[in-house]
Every structure is written in structure tokens, then in C-alpha cells.
Amino acid sequence: MVLTLAAITNVSYGTILYAFSVLLSEDAAAGEFDRALLSG
């Protein structure tokens, strides 16, 4: 049960993270956001 929940959480988190990174890369301000995040 615990392993199943962990696997589902891991997959869903990875999917959300991937979708978020795709949206950022398509955004014109993605580079600005990355630099601000790294320097901040």
C-alpha cells in the first residue's frame, strides 16, 4: 500500500514537474525566470 502510494506520488509529481518545465521553456520570460531564481 505504501509503496503503491509512493509510486503514484512520484509519477504524478514527475508529470507535473515536466509539464511545468515545458510551460516555462515555451514562455518568453523563461530565461529571465531561471536567472532570477538562480541568483536569488
C-alpha atoms as a PDB file:
ATOM      1  CA  MET A   1       0.000   0.000   0.000  1.00  0.00           C
ATOM      2  CA  VAL A   2       2.713   2.464   0.996  1.00  0.00           C
ATOM      3  CA  LEU A   3       4.877   1.571  -1.989  1.00  0.00           C
ATOM      4  CA  THR A   4       1.894   1.978  -4.297  1.00  0.00           C
ATOM      5  CA  LEU A   5       1.108   5.425  -2.930  1.00  0.00           C
ATOM      6  CA  ALA A   6       4.769   6.397  -3.169  1.00  0.00           C
ATOM      7  CA  ALA A   7       4.942   5.258  -6.788  1.00  0.00           C
ATOM      8  CA  ILE A   8       1.762   7.139  -7.725  1.00  0.00           C
ATOM      9  CA  THR A   9       3.008  10.276  -5.958  1.00  0.00           C
ATOM     10  CA  ASN A  10       6.387  10.023  -7.660  1.00  0.00           C
ATOM     11  CA  VAL A  11       4.877   9.607 -11.135  1.00  0.00           C
ATOM     12  CA  SER A  12       2.336  12.395 -10.688  1.00  0.00           C
ATOM     13  CA  TYR A  13       4.990  14.737  -9.285  1.00  0.00           C
ATOM     14  CA  GLY A  14       7.292  13.961 -12.199  1.00  0.00           C
ATOM     15  CA  THR A  15       4.480  14.596 -14.679  1.00  0.00           C
ATOM     16  CA  ILE A  16       3.601  17.929 -13.067  1.00  0.00           C
ATOM     17  CA  LEU A  17       7.264  18.937 -12.953  1.00  0.00           C
ATOM     18  CA  TYR A  18       7.716  18.007 -16.629  1.00  0.00           C
ATOM     19  CA  ALA A  19       4.602  19.923 -17.690  1.00  0.00           C
ATOM     20  CA  PHE A  20       5.730  22.926 -15.647  1.00  0.00           C
ATOM     21  CA  SER A  21       9.196  22.884 -17.234  1.00  0.00           C
ATOM     22  CA  VAL A  22       7.636  22.643 -20.713  1.00  0.00           C
ATOM     23  CA  LEU A  23       5.400  25.621 -19.982  1.00  0.00           C
ATOM     24  CA  LEU A  24       8.379  27.599 -18.707  1.00  0.00           C
ATOM     25  CA  SER A  25      10.517  26.747 -21.729  1.00  0.00           C
ATOM     26  CA  GLU A  26       7.714  27.920 -24.012  1.00  0.00           C
ATOM     27  CA  ASP A  27       7.408  31.162 -22.072  1.00  0.00           C
ATOM     28  CA  ALA A  28       9.395  34.115 -23.411  1.00  0.00           C
ATOM     29  CA  ALA A  29      10.456  35.010 -19.869  1.00  0.00           C
ATOM     30  CA  ALA A  30      11.707  31.508 -19.037  1.00  0.00           C
ATOM     31  CA  GLY A  31      15.345  32.608 -19.235  1.00  0.00           C
ATOM     32  CA  GLU A  32      14.676  35.626 -17.064  1.00  0.00           C
ATOM     33  CA  PHE A  33      12.898  33.440 -14.512  1.00  0.00           C
ATOM     34  CA  ASP A  34      15.757  30.924 -14.405  1.00  0.00           C
ATOM     35  CA  ARG A  35      18.383  33.636 -13.906  1.00  0.00           C
ATOM     36  CA  ALA A  36      16.340  35.346 -11.198  1.00  0.00           C
ATOM     37  CA  LEU A  37      15.782  32.027  -9.447  1.00  0.00           C
ATOM     38  CA  LEU A  38      19.450  31.020  -9.568  1.00  0.00           C
ATOM     39  CA  SER A  39      20.760  34.435  -8.497  1.00  0.00           C
ATOM     40  CA  GLY A  40      18.115  34.923  -5.821  1.00  0.00           C
END
